[in-house]
Amino acid sequence: MAANKPDLREIVVPSTRDLWGTYPSSGLTPQKLARIFKEADAGNVYRQMELFSEMEEKDSRLAANLQTRRLAVASLPWNVTPASDDKRDKEIAEFVQANLENIPDLRDDFSDILDGIGKGFSITEILWEIRDGKVWIQDLKWRHQRRFTFLPKDYTKPEAIVTGIPRLLSSDFSSVGEELPPNKFIVFTSRARSGFANRGGLLRSVAWLYLFKNYDLKHWVTFAEIFGIPFRLGKYPTGATAEDKEALLKAVINIGQDTAGIIPDTATIEFIEAQKNSSTGVYEALANFCNREMSIAILGHPGSSEATPGRLGGEDNAENVRRDLLKADASALANAIRWQLVKPLVDFNFGPQDGYPGFEFDTSPPLNLKEEAQRDKILVADIGIPVSKRFIYEKYNLAPPEDDKDTLQVAPASSPFGLSSLYALRDKRRAEIEAEEQQRMIDRFFTVKKKVRSGRTSE
């Protein structure tokens, strides 16, 4: 018997709250960043979530690293497994598999759910629909984390405790959130750091690096502006009128933009190369340090710009996530999908079950087909271990031939077109050419010797 009916409403709809933002990254200072974090620690994550979104928008390195981390899991093959070998459990698993495959842009939804890796948590609304007497998942909608709060309902009381359970903020800008209805949201929390989700995201760890990097880039741009253009010094003769001075000043100012101008013949303009008391290497080194530390925190290695060939983070692995992080992310996402999406789907259609279908990602590394082929050759040809043809076809993703005519045959060694025969013909011809050349040398030697004995040395 099926469980209670699903909530068909779309609960988190666009509101006036979504039209405005506080832009906390504008004029960000260490003091302001600390205040934002303290607000989040108390349960009010509104400004922290806005800051995290701005960090991804403004820092291309940070955005690329987070995207790589999310897509590494979202692009993995996935599968629904039955709870047991029972026929009923297999039918349930097939239904779930078909339903998930019918969700539009499911892999994008996986990536959206994994947004919680950086921000600490993510919330995705499930849109249910009833079709042909069955409950189906119509779509999954990512909801911005600023629409939620961790403040308890009675947060004004001294004994109120932040529980780490998100609550939905209403559209009237009230700070008191509402409890999330059951079986309506996928609440994904990151385990990047232990503790509550409101302070467990990776972006909390790299926020200080983001701040210092922005200070660094600001000073670097100022440095380039000051020392990138030579200082222009205008000289006017004694007794110059105010009009002459004003004309000279305008020429000095505009010459940096127009690279052309006119001045009286009695005035001069000199270009003085600025003496750089500091080096651009300081700014570049600090920016690279921040980039490297961000990549280490998110990907588990420094990234391509700091790669060392032959080691983790080298060119072959620079764009990948460290495998233990990949497995942990895949396991966390699969767990959320199974218990917050698959379970209610099964309950709505088949009622509560003793066991529920599993959901898993294939995190096994890709096969090196060349190494595998060499290993199989040793096992089969050298050792003599029997291996079925079906196993070989499936392992190397090969289509079995329909009949004997639909095959590629290797020419036997005795055939004139066999590879070994071609080598033999080549070696035989080479030996014949060498023998012919030696015979010509011998014949020429005796011809010359005969001519010398007959007195025809001139020839």
Protein backbone atom coordinates (compact mmCIF):
# COMPACT_ATOMS: atom_id res chain seq x y z
CA MET A 1 0.00 0.00 0.00
CA ALA A 2 1.38 3.38 -1.01
CA ALA A 3 2.33 5.94 1.61
CA ASN A 4 0.90 9.45 1.94
CA LYS A 5 0.54 11.49 -1.21
CA PRO A 6 3.35 13.85 -2.21
CA ASP A 7 3.20 17.63 -1.90
CA LEU A 8 2.69 18.82 -5.48
CA ARG A 9 3.26 22.50 -4.70
CA GLU A 10 6.35 24.51 -5.64
CA ILE A 11 7.21 25.91 -2.24
CA VAL A 12 10.32 28.05 -2.81
CA VAL A 13 9.07 30.40 -5.51
CA PRO A 14 10.78 33.65 -6.63
CA SER A 15 10.08 36.58 -4.33
CA THR A 16 11.21 40.12 -3.67
CA ARG A 17 13.97 38.69 -1.50
CA ASP A 18 15.61 37.26 -4.62
CA LEU A 19 15.74 40.66 -6.38
CA TRP A 20 18.08 42.33 -3.92
CA GLY A 21 21.46 41.55 -2.45
CA THR A 22 23.75 43.10 0.13
CA TYR A 23 26.94 42.48 -1.92
CA PRO A 24 29.08 41.75 1.14
CA SER A 25 32.26 41.39 -0.93
CA SER A 26 32.18 45.11 -1.73
CA GLY A 27 34.74 46.77 0.54
CA LEU A 28 35.51 43.47 2.22
CA THR A 29 37.97 43.75 5.11
CA PRO A 30 39.19 41.24 7.70
CA GLN A 31 36.86 42.83 10.26
CA LYS A 32 33.85 42.62 7.95
CA LEU A 33 34.63 39.02 7.02
CA ALA A 34 34.86 38.07 10.69
CA ARG A 35 31.46 39.68 11.37
CA ILE A 36 29.88 37.74 8.48
CA PHE A 37 31.27 34.49 9.86
CA LYS A 38 30.05 35.27 13.37
CA GLU A 39 26.54 35.86 12.01
CA ALA A 40 26.69 32.48 10.28
CA ASP A 41 27.94 30.80 13.45
CA ALA A 42 24.83 32.11 15.21
CA GLY A 43 22.61 30.62 12.49
CA ASN A 44 22.05 33.60 10.17
CA VAL A 45 23.82 32.50 6.96
CA TYR A 46 22.26 35.09 4.63
CA ARG A 47 25.32 37.31 4.14
CA GLN A 48 27.73 34.36 4.22
CA MET A 49 25.90 32.67 1.35
CA GLU A 50 25.81 35.90 -0.65
CA LEU A 51 29.54 36.29 -0.07
CA PHE A 52 30.25 32.73 -1.20
CA SER A 53 28.29 33.30 -4.42
CA GLU A 54 30.22 36.50 -5.12
CA MET A 55 33.52 34.75 -4.48
CA GLU A 56 32.73 32.25 -7.22
CA GLU A 57 31.68 35.05 -9.57
CA LYS A 58 34.77 37.18 -9.04
CA ASP A 59 37.57 34.61 -8.69
CA SER A 60 37.98 32.54 -11.85
CA ARG A 61 40.49 30.14 -10.25
CA LEU A 62 38.15 29.46 -7.35
CA ALA A 63 35.16 28.95 -9.65
CA ALA A 64 37.11 26.56 -11.90
CA ASN A 65 38.30 24.46 -8.95
CA LEU A 66 34.80 24.12 -7.49
CA GLN A 67 33.35 23.28 -10.88
CA THR A 68 36.01 20.62 -11.41
CA ARG A 69 35.23 19.12 -8.00
CA ARG A 70 31.49 18.97 -8.74
CA LEU A 71 31.72 17.74 -12.33
CA ALA A 72 34.15 14.99 -11.34
CA VAL A 73 31.24 13.28 -9.58
CA ALA A 74 28.34 14.48 -11.72
CA SER A 75 29.91 12.96 -14.83
CA LEU A 76 30.36 9.48 -13.29
CA PRO A 77 28.21 6.55 -14.42
CA TRP A 78 25.45 5.75 -11.92
CA ASN A 79 23.15 2.83 -11.36
CA VAL A 80 20.18 1.76 -9.26
CA THR A 81 20.54 -1.67 -7.63
CA PRO A 82 17.65 -3.75 -6.23
CA ALA A 83 17.43 -4.30 -2.50
CA SER A 84 17.57 -8.06 -3.05
CA ASP A 85 17.23 -10.73 -5.73
CA ASP A 86 13.51 -10.89 -5.10
CA LYS A 87 11.38 -10.25 -8.20
CA ARG A 88 9.47 -7.47 -6.45
CA ASP A 89 12.65 -5.65 -5.45
CA LYS A 90 13.92 -5.89 -9.02
CA GLU A 91 10.69 -4.38 -10.35
CA ILE A 92 10.97 -1.52 -7.87
CA ALA A 93 14.60 -0.86 -8.87
CA GLU A 94 13.66 -0.84 -12.56
CA PHE A 95 10.90 1.68 -11.88
CA VAL A 96 13.28 3.95 -9.96
CA GLN A 97 15.91 3.66 -12.69
CA ALA A 98 13.39 4.62 -15.37
CA ASN A 99 12.11 7.54 -13.30
CA LEU A 100 15.60 8.97 -12.67
CA GLU A 101 16.57 8.60 -16.31
CA ASN A 102 13.44 10.56 -17.21
CA ILE A 103 14.48 13.61 -15.15
CA PRO A 104 15.68 16.40 -17.47
CA ASP A 105 19.31 17.47 -16.95
CA LEU A 106 19.86 15.05 -14.08
CA ARG A 107 23.64 15.43 -14.20
CA ASP A 108 23.24 19.21 -13.86
CA ASP A 109 21.05 18.52 -10.83
CA PHE A 110 23.84 16.38 -9.36
CA SER A 111 26.24 19.29 -9.83
CA ASP A 112 23.79 21.68 -8.17
CA ILE A 113 23.39 19.38 -5.17
CA LEU A 114 27.19 19.22 -4.85
CA ASP A 115 27.20 23.01 -4.51
CA GLY A 116 27.08 22.15 -0.83
CA ILE A 117 30.76 21.16 -0.97
CA GLY A 118 31.77 24.79 -1.16
CA LYS A 119 28.95 26.41 0.79
CA GLY A 120 28.52 23.73 3.46
CA PHE A 121 25.02 22.68 2.43
CA SER A 122 22.68 22.76 -0.55
CA ILE A 123 18.92 22.40 -0.78
CA THR A 124 17.11 21.08 -3.84
CA GLU A 125 13.34 21.11 -4.10
CA ILE A 126 11.63 18.00 -5.50
CA LEU A 127 8.74 18.69 -7.86
CA TRP A 128 6.41 15.70 -7.80
CA GLU A 129 3.71 14.86 -10.32
CA ILE A 130 1.07 12.15 -10.66
CA ARG A 131 0.86 10.47 -14.06
CA ASP A 132 -0.93 7.26 -15.05
CA GLY A 133 -1.71 6.51 -11.43
CA LYS A 134 1.97 6.68 -10.42
CA VAL A 135 4.00 9.31 -8.59
CA TRP A 136 6.89 10.58 -10.68
CA ILE A 137 9.72 13.02 -10.15
CA GLN A 138 8.91 15.87 -12.52
CA ASP A 139 12.03 17.94 -11.88
CA LEU A 140 14.64 18.99 -9.32
CA LYS A 141 15.15 22.69 -8.58
CA TRP A 142 18.24 24.10 -6.84
CA ARG A 143 17.42 26.76 -4.28
CA HIS A 144 19.84 29.47 -3.18
CA GLN A 145 21.17 28.91 0.31
CA ARG A 146 20.35 32.47 1.36
CA ARG A 147 16.66 31.49 1.31
CA PHE A 148 17.29 29.40 4.43
CA THR A 149 18.41 29.97 7.99
CA PHE A 150 19.76 27.94 10.87
CA LEU A 151 18.21 30.20 13.49
CA PRO A 152 15.86 28.28 15.80
CA LYS A 153 12.25 29.40 16.04
CA ASP A 154 12.81 30.85 19.50
CA TYR A 155 16.25 32.29 18.69
CA THR A 156 15.61 35.38 20.85
CA LYS A 157 15.61 33.28 24.00
CA PRO A 158 18.95 32.78 25.78
CA GLU A 159 18.49 29.01 25.90
CA ALA A 160 17.95 28.75 22.12
CA ILE A 161 20.46 26.41 20.48
CA VAL A 162 21.52 26.32 16.84
CA THR A 163 20.75 22.74 15.81
CA GLY A 164 22.28 22.73 12.34
CA ILE A 165 18.91 21.98 10.69
CA PRO A 166 18.04 24.49 7.95
CA ARG A 167 14.70 26.30 8.01
CA LEU A 168 12.96 28.03 5.12
CA LEU A 169 12.76 31.82 5.29
CA SER A 170 9.39 33.26 4.40
CA SER A 171 8.99 35.95 1.75
CA ASP A 172 8.13 38.69 4.28
CA PHE A 173 11.81 39.12 5.32
CA SER A 174 11.14 37.53 8.68
CA SER A 175 14.17 36.06 10.42
CA VAL A 176 12.12 33.18 11.81
CA GLY A 177 12.24 30.24 9.44
CA GLU A 178 9.72 27.51 8.81
CA GLU A 179 10.34 23.80 9.06
CA LEU A 180 10.89 22.05 5.74
CA PRO A 181 8.02 19.71 4.80
CA PRO A 182 9.01 16.05 4.63
CA ASN A 183 9.84 14.35 1.32
CA LYS A 184 10.00 17.70 -0.46
CA PHE A 185 13.68 18.70 -0.33
CA ILE A 186 17.10 17.09 -0.75
CA VAL A 187 19.25 18.59 1.99
CA PHE A 188 22.89 17.83 1.17
CA THR A 189 25.50 18.66 3.79
CA SER A 190 29.22 18.59 3.13
CA ARG A 191 31.59 16.70 5.36
CA ALA A 192 34.61 18.76 4.31
CA ARG A 193 34.86 19.89 7.93
CA SER A 194 33.29 18.49 11.06
CA GLY A 195 30.54 20.51 12.70
CA PHE A 196 27.32 22.17 11.61
CA ALA A 197 26.61 22.79 7.93
CA ASN A 198 26.42 26.57 8.44
CA ARG A 199 30.19 26.65 8.97
CA GLY A 200 31.41 23.47 7.30
CA GLY A 201 31.89 24.53 3.66
CA LEU A 202 35.24 24.72 1.91
CA LEU A 203 34.61 28.34 1.01
CA ARG A 204 34.96 29.23 4.69
CA SER A 205 38.48 27.84 4.55
CA VAL A 206 39.49 29.73 1.42
CA ALA A 207 37.64 33.00 2.20
CA TRP A 208 40.72 34.46 3.86
CA LEU A 209 42.87 33.53 0.87
CA TYR A 210 40.26 35.18 -1.36
CA LEU A 211 40.46 38.35 0.73
CA PHE A 212 44.28 38.51 0.73
CA LYS A 213 44.41 37.76 -2.98
CA ASN A 214 42.04 40.64 -3.70
CA TYR A 215 44.19 43.00 -1.63
CA ASP A 216 47.19 41.77 -3.58
CA LEU A 217 45.55 42.24 -6.99
CA LYS A 218 44.36 45.72 -6.04
CA HIS A 219 47.89 46.82 -5.14
CA TRP A 220 49.30 45.04 -8.19
CA VAL A 221 46.98 46.97 -10.52
CA THR A 222 47.89 50.22 -8.76
CA PHE A 223 51.57 49.35 -9.14
CA ALA A 224 51.10 48.69 -12.85
CA GLU A 225 49.19 51.94 -13.29
CA ILE A 226 51.86 54.00 -11.55
CA PHE A 227 54.98 52.37 -12.95
CA GLY A 228 53.59 51.19 -16.27
CA ILE A 229 53.35 54.74 -17.61
CA PRO A 230 56.45 57.02 -17.36
CA PHE A 231 56.10 60.22 -15.35
CA ARG A 232 55.48 63.23 -17.60
CA LEU A 233 57.15 66.45 -16.51
CA GLY A 234 56.27 69.70 -18.28
CA LYS A 235 58.59 72.71 -18.09
CA TYR A 236 57.55 76.24 -18.88
CA PRO A 237 59.86 79.27 -19.21
CA THR A 238 60.02 82.06 -16.69
CA GLY A 239 57.32 84.59 -17.30
CA ALA A 240 54.87 82.12 -18.84
CA THR A 241 51.28 83.24 -18.64
CA ALA A 242 48.53 81.39 -16.87
CA GLU A 243 47.11 80.36 -20.24
CA ASP A 244 50.48 78.88 -21.24
CA LYS A 245 50.69 76.92 -18.00
CA GLU A 246 47.15 75.62 -18.36
CA ALA A 247 47.80 74.55 -21.97
CA LEU A 248 51.00 72.76 -20.91
CA LEU A 249 49.21 70.96 -18.05
CA LYS A 250 46.43 69.75 -20.35
CA ALA A 251 49.01 68.52 -22.83
CA VAL A 252 50.89 66.60 -20.13
CA ILE A 253 47.68 64.99 -18.85
CA ASN A 254 46.23 64.14 -22.26
CA ILE A 255 49.45 62.84 -23.76
CA GLY A 256 49.05 59.67 -21.69
CA GLN A 257 45.72 59.01 -23.40
CA ASP A 258 46.08 60.52 -26.86
CA THR A 259 49.89 60.14 -27.25
CA ALA A 260 49.81 63.45 -29.11
CA GLY A 261 49.44 67.12 -28.28
CA ILE A 262 50.69 70.65 -28.93
CA ILE A 263 52.47 73.08 -26.62
CA PRO A 264 54.17 76.47 -27.09
CA ASP A 265 57.67 76.30 -28.59
CA THR A 266 59.07 77.78 -25.42
CA ALA A 267 57.79 74.88 -23.25
CA THR A 268 59.16 71.33 -22.99
CA ILE A 269 57.85 67.94 -21.86
CA GLU A 270 60.15 65.24 -20.46
CA PHE A 271 59.37 61.57 -19.87
CA ILE A 272 61.00 60.32 -16.70
CA GLU A 273 61.27 56.58 -16.19
CA ALA A 274 60.04 55.74 -12.69
CA GLN A 275 62.42 54.01 -10.33
CA LYS A 276 60.71 50.86 -9.09
CA ASN A 277 61.50 50.43 -5.40
CA SER A 278 59.50 47.18 -5.28
CA SER A 279 59.21 44.26 -7.62
CA THR A 280 56.15 42.83 -9.32
CA GLY A 281 57.43 39.44 -8.23
CA VAL A 282 56.10 40.07 -4.73
CA TYR A 283 52.53 40.49 -6.00
CA GLU A 284 52.77 37.56 -8.39
CA ALA A 285 54.22 35.29 -5.72
CA LEU A 286 51.39 36.11 -3.30
CA ALA A 287 48.72 35.58 -5.98
CA ASN A 288 50.26 32.23 -6.95
CA PHE A 289 50.45 31.21 -3.30
CA CYS A 290 46.74 31.96 -2.78
CA ASN A 291 45.83 30.10 -5.99
CA ARG A 292 47.91 27.09 -4.95
CA GLU A 293 46.40 26.92 -1.48
CA MET A 294 42.87 27.22 -2.88
CA SER A 295 43.51 24.34 -5.28
CA ILE A 296 44.97 22.19 -2.52
CA ALA A 297 41.95 22.82 -0.30
CA ILE A 298 39.42 22.05 -3.05
CA LEU A 299 41.07 19.57 -5.43
CA GLY A 300 43.59 17.98 -3.08
CA HIS A 301 46.58 19.07 -5.18
CA PRO A 302 48.09 22.39 -6.38
CA GLY A 303 46.58 22.34 -9.87
CA SER A 304 48.08 22.66 -13.33
CA SER A 305 50.01 25.91 -12.82
CA GLU A 306 52.04 24.40 -9.98
CA ALA A 307 52.24 20.88 -11.37
CA THR A 308 55.22 18.59 -11.06
CA PRO A 309 55.34 15.96 -13.81
CA GLY A 310 55.21 12.43 -12.47
CA ARG A 311 53.55 13.40 -9.20
CA LEU A 312 49.99 13.99 -8.08
CA GLY A 313 49.11 17.34 -9.59
CA GLY A 314 51.24 16.77 -12.70
CA GLU A 315 49.94 17.36 -16.18
CA ASP A 316 48.09 14.03 -16.29
CA ASN A 317 46.25 14.70 -13.01
CA ALA A 318 46.13 18.49 -12.86
CA GLU A 319 42.50 18.73 -13.94
CA ASN A 320 41.32 15.83 -11.74
CA VAL A 321 40.17 15.61 -8.17
CA ARG A 322 42.17 13.53 -5.73
CA ARG A 323 40.62 10.07 -5.81
CA ASP A 324 39.80 9.83 -2.10
CA LEU A 325 37.93 13.14 -2.32
CA LEU A 326 36.12 11.94 -5.43
CA LYS A 327 34.98 8.75 -3.68
CA ALA A 328 33.86 10.67 -0.58
CA ASP A 329 31.82 13.15 -2.66
CA ALA A 330 30.26 10.34 -4.71
CA SER A 331 29.36 8.40 -1.57
CA ALA A 332 27.79 11.47 0.10
CA LEU A 333 25.76 12.35 -3.00
CA ALA A 334 24.63 8.75 -3.52
CA ASN A 335 23.53 8.56 0.11
CA ALA A 336 21.48 11.77 -0.22
CA ILE A 337 19.87 10.58 -3.46
CA ARG A 338 19.00 7.19 -2.03
CA TRP A 339 17.39 8.28 1.23
CA GLN A 340 15.93 11.67 0.29
CA LEU A 341 14.79 10.99 -3.29
CA VAL A 342 14.61 7.27 -4.02
CA LYS A 343 13.06 6.29 -0.67
CA PRO A 344 10.08 8.69 -0.83
CA LEU A 345 9.59 7.78 -4.52
CA VAL A 346 9.32 4.11 -3.52
CA ASP A 347 7.10 4.87 -0.52
CA PHE A 348 4.66 6.91 -2.63
CA ASN A 349 4.31 4.15 -5.21
CA PHE A 350 4.87 0.87 -3.37
CA GLY A 351 4.53 1.73 0.30
CA PRO A 352 7.20 1.34 3.01
CA GLN A 353 9.70 -1.42 2.31
CA ASP A 354 12.01 -3.53 4.43
CA GLY A 355 14.81 -2.70 2.04
CA TYR A 356 15.18 0.09 -0.49
CA PRO A 357 17.00 0.19 -3.83
CA GLY A 358 20.58 1.27 -3.70
CA PHE A 359 22.03 4.17 -5.67
CA GLU A 360 25.73 4.27 -6.46
CA PHE A 361 28.31 5.91 -8.68
CA ASP A 362 31.05 3.98 -10.43
CA THR A 363 34.25 5.52 -9.04
CA SER A 364 36.62 2.86 -10.36
CA PRO A 365 39.51 4.33 -12.37
CA PRO A 366 39.35 3.89 -16.16
CA LEU A 367 41.12 0.84 -17.54
CA ASN A 368 44.44 1.15 -19.31
CA LEU A 369 43.45 -1.04 -22.26
CA LYS A 370 47.03 -1.53 -23.45
CA GLU A 371 48.18 -2.83 -20.06
CA GLU A 372 45.04 -4.95 -19.70
CA ALA A 373 45.55 -6.48 -23.16
CA GLN A 374 49.16 -7.37 -22.33
CA ARG A 375 48.06 -8.95 -19.04
CA ASP A 376 45.31 -10.96 -20.74
CA LYS A 377 47.77 -12.15 -23.37
CA ILE A 378 50.11 -13.44 -20.66
CA LEU A 379 47.29 -15.17 -18.78
CA VAL A 380 45.79 -16.80 -21.87
CA ALA A 381 48.69 -17.40 -24.28
CA ASP A 382 51.59 -17.94 -21.88
CA ILE A 383 50.01 -19.41 -18.76
CA GLY A 384 47.04 -21.01 -20.45
CA ILE A 385 44.23 -19.79 -18.21
CA PRO A 386 40.90 -20.33 -20.01
CA VAL A 387 38.99 -17.08 -20.60
CA SER A 388 35.61 -16.84 -22.31
CA LYS A 389 35.31 -14.83 -25.51
CA ARG A 390 32.29 -13.08 -24.07
CA PHE A 391 34.42 -11.68 -21.24
CA ILE A 392 36.93 -10.26 -23.73
CA TYR A 393 34.22 -8.71 -25.88
CA GLU A 394 32.54 -7.06 -22.89
CA LYS A 395 35.78 -5.92 -21.28
CA TYR A 396 37.06 -4.14 -24.39
CA ASN A 397 33.60 -3.06 -25.54
CA LEU A 398 33.84 -5.07 -28.75
CA ALA A 399 30.91 -6.27 -30.84
CA PRO A 400 31.03 -10.05 -31.37
CA PRO A 401 31.06 -11.13 -35.05
CA GLU A 402 27.82 -12.33 -36.56
CA ASP A 403 29.52 -15.19 -38.44
CA ASP A 404 32.93 -16.33 -39.67
CA LYS A 405 32.78 -14.00 -42.66
CA ASP A 406 32.31 -10.99 -40.38
CA THR A 407 35.81 -11.20 -38.90
CA LEU A 408 39.26 -9.80 -39.51
CA GLN A 409 41.77 -12.63 -39.98
CA VAL A 410 45.48 -12.41 -39.30
CA ALA A 411 47.39 -13.90 -42.27
CA PRO A 412 49.30 -17.10 -41.31
CA ALA A 413 53.08 -17.11 -41.36
CA SER A 414 53.15 -19.42 -44.43
CA SER A 415 51.06 -17.02 -46.46
CA PRO A 416 52.95 -14.71 -48.82
CA PHE A 417 50.98 -11.88 -47.19
CA GLY A 418 51.84 -12.88 -43.65
CA LEU A 419 53.90 -10.46 -41.64
CA SER A 420 56.62 -13.01 -40.85
CA SER A 421 56.84 -13.96 -44.52
CA LEU A 422 57.28 -10.33 -45.47
CA TYR A 423 60.16 -10.05 -43.02
CA ALA A 424 61.72 -13.22 -44.46
CA LEU A 425 61.43 -11.90 -48.03
CA ARG A 426 62.97 -8.60 -46.97
CA ASP A 427 65.96 -10.31 -45.33
CA LYS A 428 66.46 -12.65 -48.30
CA ARG A 429 66.45 -9.79 -50.79
CA ARG A 430 68.85 -7.80 -48.63
CA ALA A 431 71.29 -10.76 -48.57
CA GLU A 432 71.03 -11.14 -52.37
CA ILE A 433 71.83 -7.45 -52.89
CA GLU A 434 74.88 -7.68 -50.60
CA ALA A 435 76.12 -10.80 -52.42
CA GLU A 436 75.72 -9.12 -55.81
CA GLU A 437 77.64 -6.06 -54.62
CA GLN A 438 80.49 -8.20 -53.30
CA GLN A 439 80.67 -10.10 -56.60
CA ARG A 440 80.89 -6.83 -58.59
CA MET A 441 83.76 -5.66 -56.40
CA ILE A 442 85.63 -8.95 -56.94
CA ASP A 443 85.11 -8.84 -60.72
CA ARG A 444 86.31 -5.25 -60.91
CA PHE A 445 89.42 -6.11 -58.86
CA PHE A 446 90.49 -8.89 -61.23
CA THR A 447 89.73 -6.74 -64.30
CA VAL A 448 92.00 -3.95 -63.09
CA LYS A 449 94.72 -6.42 -62.16
CA LYS A 450 94.62 -7.99 -65.64
CA LYS A 451 94.91 -4.58 -67.32
CA VAL A 452 97.92 -3.66 -65.19
CA ARG A 453 99.74 -6.81 -66.19
CA SER A 454 99.10 -6.09 -69.90
CA GLY A 455 100.61 -2.57 -69.57
CA ARG A 456 97.33 -0.63 -69.95
CA THR A 457 97.75 1.21 -66.66
CA SER A 458 96.35 4.44 -68.11
CA GLU A 459 92.97 2.89 -68.16
